[in-house]
Amino acid sequence: MHKNPIIFTKDILDRYQISEKTLWKWRDKDKMPRAFLVPFPAPTIPGVPNRWRQSDVMEWEENNRKV
Protein backbone atom coordinates (compact mmCIF):
# COMPACT_ATOMS: atom_id res chain seq x y z
CA MET A 1 0.00 0.00 0.00
CA HIS A 2 1.29 3.45 -0.94
CA LYS A 3 2.00 5.88 1.86
CA ASN A 4 1.18 8.79 -0.43
CA PRO A 5 -1.44 7.54 -2.90
CA ILE A 6 -2.37 9.24 -6.13
CA ILE A 7 -5.86 10.71 -6.26
CA PHE A 8 -7.77 11.72 -9.38
CA THR A 9 -10.15 14.56 -10.24
CA LYS A 10 -13.13 12.29 -9.55
CA ASP A 11 -11.78 11.60 -6.05
CA ILE A 12 -11.48 15.34 -5.37
CA LEU A 13 -15.01 16.00 -6.66
CA ASP A 14 -16.41 13.19 -4.51
CA ARG A 15 -14.45 14.24 -1.42
CA TYR A 16 -15.72 17.83 -1.45
CA GLN A 17 -19.05 17.21 -3.23
CA ILE A 18 -18.28 19.84 -5.87
CA SER A 19 -18.41 20.11 -9.65
CA GLU A 20 -15.35 20.20 -11.89
CA LYS A 21 -16.09 23.88 -12.63
CA THR A 22 -15.98 24.64 -8.90
CA LEU A 23 -12.69 22.80 -8.53
CA TRP A 24 -11.08 25.00 -11.20
CA LYS A 25 -12.45 28.11 -9.49
CA TRP A 26 -10.87 26.92 -6.24
CA ARG A 27 -7.51 26.80 -8.05
CA ASP A 28 -7.78 30.45 -9.14
CA LYS A 29 -6.64 32.92 -6.49
CA ASP A 30 -9.08 35.55 -7.81
CA LYS A 31 -12.10 33.19 -7.98
CA MET A 32 -11.61 30.96 -4.94
CA PRO A 33 -13.98 31.46 -1.98
CA ARG A 34 -12.95 34.29 0.32
CA ALA A 35 -12.90 31.83 3.21
CA PHE A 36 -9.90 30.06 1.63
CA LEU A 37 -6.45 31.15 2.72
CA VAL A 38 -4.73 29.54 -0.27
CA PRO A 39 -6.00 28.25 -3.63
CA PHE A 40 -6.41 24.54 -4.29
CA PRO A 41 -3.15 23.06 -5.57
CA ALA A 42 -2.56 22.37 -9.24
CA PRO A 43 -2.35 18.70 -10.21
CA THR A 44 1.09 17.49 -9.15
CA ILE A 45 1.44 14.46 -11.41
CA PRO A 46 1.47 14.97 -15.19
CA GLY A 47 -1.07 13.20 -17.34
CA VAL A 48 -4.73 12.77 -18.07
CA PRO A 49 -6.85 12.56 -16.03
CA ASN A 50 -5.47 15.12 -13.57
CA ARG A 51 -3.72 13.60 -10.57
CA TRP A 52 -2.59 14.81 -7.19
CA ARG A 53 -0.58 13.28 -4.38
CA GLN A 54 -2.88 12.79 -1.42
CA SER A 55 -0.35 14.58 0.79
CA ASP A 56 -0.66 17.75 -1.35
CA VAL A 57 -4.43 17.80 -0.88
CA MET A 58 -4.12 17.14 2.86
CA GLU A 59 -1.55 19.95 3.13
CA TRP A 60 -3.97 22.30 1.32
CA GLU A 61 -6.71 21.35 3.79
CA GLU A 62 -4.38 22.03 6.71
CA ASN A 63 -3.28 25.38 5.24
CA ASN A 64 -6.91 26.48 4.90
CA ARG A 65 -7.82 25.89 8.53
CA LYS A 66 -8.23 29.14 10.36
CA VAL A 67 -6.52 29.34 13.72
C-alpha atoms as a PDB file:
ATOM      1  CA  MET A   1       0.000   0.000   0.000  1.00  0.00           C
ATOM      2  CA  HIS A   2       1.289   3.448  -0.940  1.00  0.00           C
ATOM      3  CA  LYS A   3       2.001   5.883   1.858  1.00  0.00           C
ATOM      4  CA  ASN A   4       1.176   8.794  -0.434  1.00  0.00           C
ATOM      5  CA  PRO A   5      -1.438   7.540  -2.897  1.00  0.00           C
ATOM      6  CA  ILE A   6      -2.372   9.244  -6.126  1.00  0.00           C
ATOM      7  CA  ILE A   7      -5.860  10.712  -6.262  1.00  0.00           C
ATOM      8  CA  PHE A   8      -7.770  11.719  -9.376  1.00  0.00           C
ATOM      9  CA  THR A   9     -10.149  14.556 -10.237  1.00  0.00           C
ATOM     10  CA  LYS A  10     -13.133  12.285  -9.549  1.00  0.00           C
ATOM     11  CA  ASP A  11     -11.777  11.603  -6.053  1.00  0.00           C
ATOM     12  CA  ILE A  12     -11.482  15.339  -5.375  1.00  0.00           C
ATOM     13  CA  LEU A  13     -15.013  16.002  -6.662  1.00  0.00           C
ATOM     14  CA  ASP A  14     -16.408  13.195  -4.514  1.00  0.00           C
ATOM     15  CA  ARG A  15     -14.454  14.240  -1.418  1.00  0.00           C
ATOM     16  CA  TYR A  16     -15.723  17.833  -1.455  1.00  0.00           C
ATOM     17  CA  GLN A  17     -19.049  17.207  -3.226  1.00  0.00           C
ATOM     18  CA  ILE A  18     -18.278  19.840  -5.866  1.00  0.00           C
ATOM     19  CA  SER A  19     -18.406  20.112  -9.654  1.00  0.00           C
ATOM     20  CA  GLU A  20     -15.351  20.203 -11.889  1.00  0.00           C
ATOM     21  CA  LYS A  21     -16.086  23.875 -12.631  1.00  0.00           C
ATOM     22  CA  THR A  22     -15.984  24.639  -8.903  1.00  0.00           C
ATOM     23  CA  LEU A  23     -12.689  22.798  -8.531  1.00  0.00           C
ATOM     24  CA  TRP A  24     -11.076  25.001 -11.196  1.00  0.00           C
ATOM     25  CA  LYS A  25     -12.452  28.107  -9.492  1.00  0.00           C
ATOM     26  CA  TRP A  26     -10.868  26.923  -6.242  1.00  0.00           C
ATOM     27  CA  ARG A  27      -7.507  26.803  -8.045  1.00  0.00           C
ATOM     28  CA  ASP A  28      -7.775  30.449  -9.143  1.00  0.00           C
ATOM     29  CA  LYS A  29      -6.635  32.923  -6.488  1.00  0.00           C
ATOM     30  CA  ASP A  30      -9.084  35.545  -7.813  1.00  0.00           C
ATOM     31  CA  LYS A  31     -12.102  33.188  -7.977  1.00  0.00           C
ATOM     32  CA  MET A  32     -11.611  30.955  -4.938  1.00  0.00           C
ATOM     33  CA  PRO A  33     -13.978  31.457  -1.981  1.00  0.00           C
ATOM     34  CA  ARG A  34     -12.952  34.287   0.325  1.00  0.00           C
ATOM     35  CA  ALA A  35     -12.899  31.832   3.210  1.00  0.00           C
ATOM     36  CA  PHE A  36      -9.896  30.062   1.635  1.00  0.00           C
ATOM     37  CA  LEU A  37      -6.453  31.155   2.720  1.00  0.00           C
ATOM     38  CA  VAL A  38      -4.729  29.541  -0.274  1.00  0.00           C
ATOM     39  CA  PRO A  39      -6.001  28.246  -3.626  1.00  0.00           C
ATOM     40  CA  PHE A  40      -6.415  24.538  -4.288  1.00  0.00           C
ATOM     41  CA  PRO A  41      -3.150  23.055  -5.574  1.00  0.00           C
ATOM     42  CA  ALA A  42      -2.559  22.372  -9.242  1.00  0.00           C
ATOM     43  CA  PRO A  43      -2.349  18.703 -10.209  1.00  0.00           C
ATOM     44  CA  THR A  44       1.087  17.489  -9.150  1.00  0.00           C
ATOM     45  CA  ILE A  45       1.438  14.463 -11.409  1.00  0.00           C
ATOM     46  CA  PRO A  46       1.470  14.973 -15.193  1.00  0.00           C
ATOM     47  CA  GLY A  47      -1.073  13.201 -17.340  1.00  0.00           C
ATOM     48  CA  VAL A  48      -4.731  12.770 -18.072  1.00  0.00           C
ATOM     49  CA  PRO A  49      -6.850  12.563 -16.026  1.00  0.00           C
ATOM     50  CA  ASN A  50      -5.471  15.124 -13.574  1.00  0.00           C
ATOM     51  CA  ARG A  51      -3.724  13.599 -10.572  1.00  0.00           C
ATOM     52  CA  TRP A  52      -2.586  14.810  -7.190  1.00  0.00           C
ATOM     53  CA  ARG A  53      -0.583  13.277  -4.379  1.00  0.00           C
ATOM     54  CA  GLN A  54      -2.876  12.786  -1.425  1.00  0.00           C
ATOM     55  CA  SER A  55      -0.350  14.581   0.787  1.00  0.00           C
ATOM     56  CA  ASP A  56      -0.655  17.749  -1.349  1.00  0.00           C
ATOM     57  CA  VAL A  57      -4.434  17.800  -0.883  1.00  0.00           C
ATOM     58  CA  MET A  58      -4.116  17.139   2.858  1.00  0.00           C
ATOM     59  CA  GLU A  59      -1.551  19.946   3.126  1.00  0.00           C
ATOM     60  CA  TRP A  60      -3.972  22.297   1.323  1.00  0.00           C
ATOM     61  CA  GLU A  61      -6.713  21.355   3.792  1.00  0.00           C
ATOM     62  CA  GLU A  62      -4.376  22.027   6.710  1.00  0.00           C
ATOM     63  CA  ASN A  63      -3.282  25.377   5.245  1.00  0.00           C
ATOM     64  CA  ASN A  64      -6.914  26.485   4.899  1.00  0.00           C
ATOM     65  CA  ARG A  65      -7.816  25.894   8.526  1.00  0.00           C
ATOM     66  CA  LYS A  66      -8.231  29.135  10.364  1.00  0.00           C
ATOM     67  CA  VAL A  67      -6.522  29.340  13.723  1.00  0.00           C
END
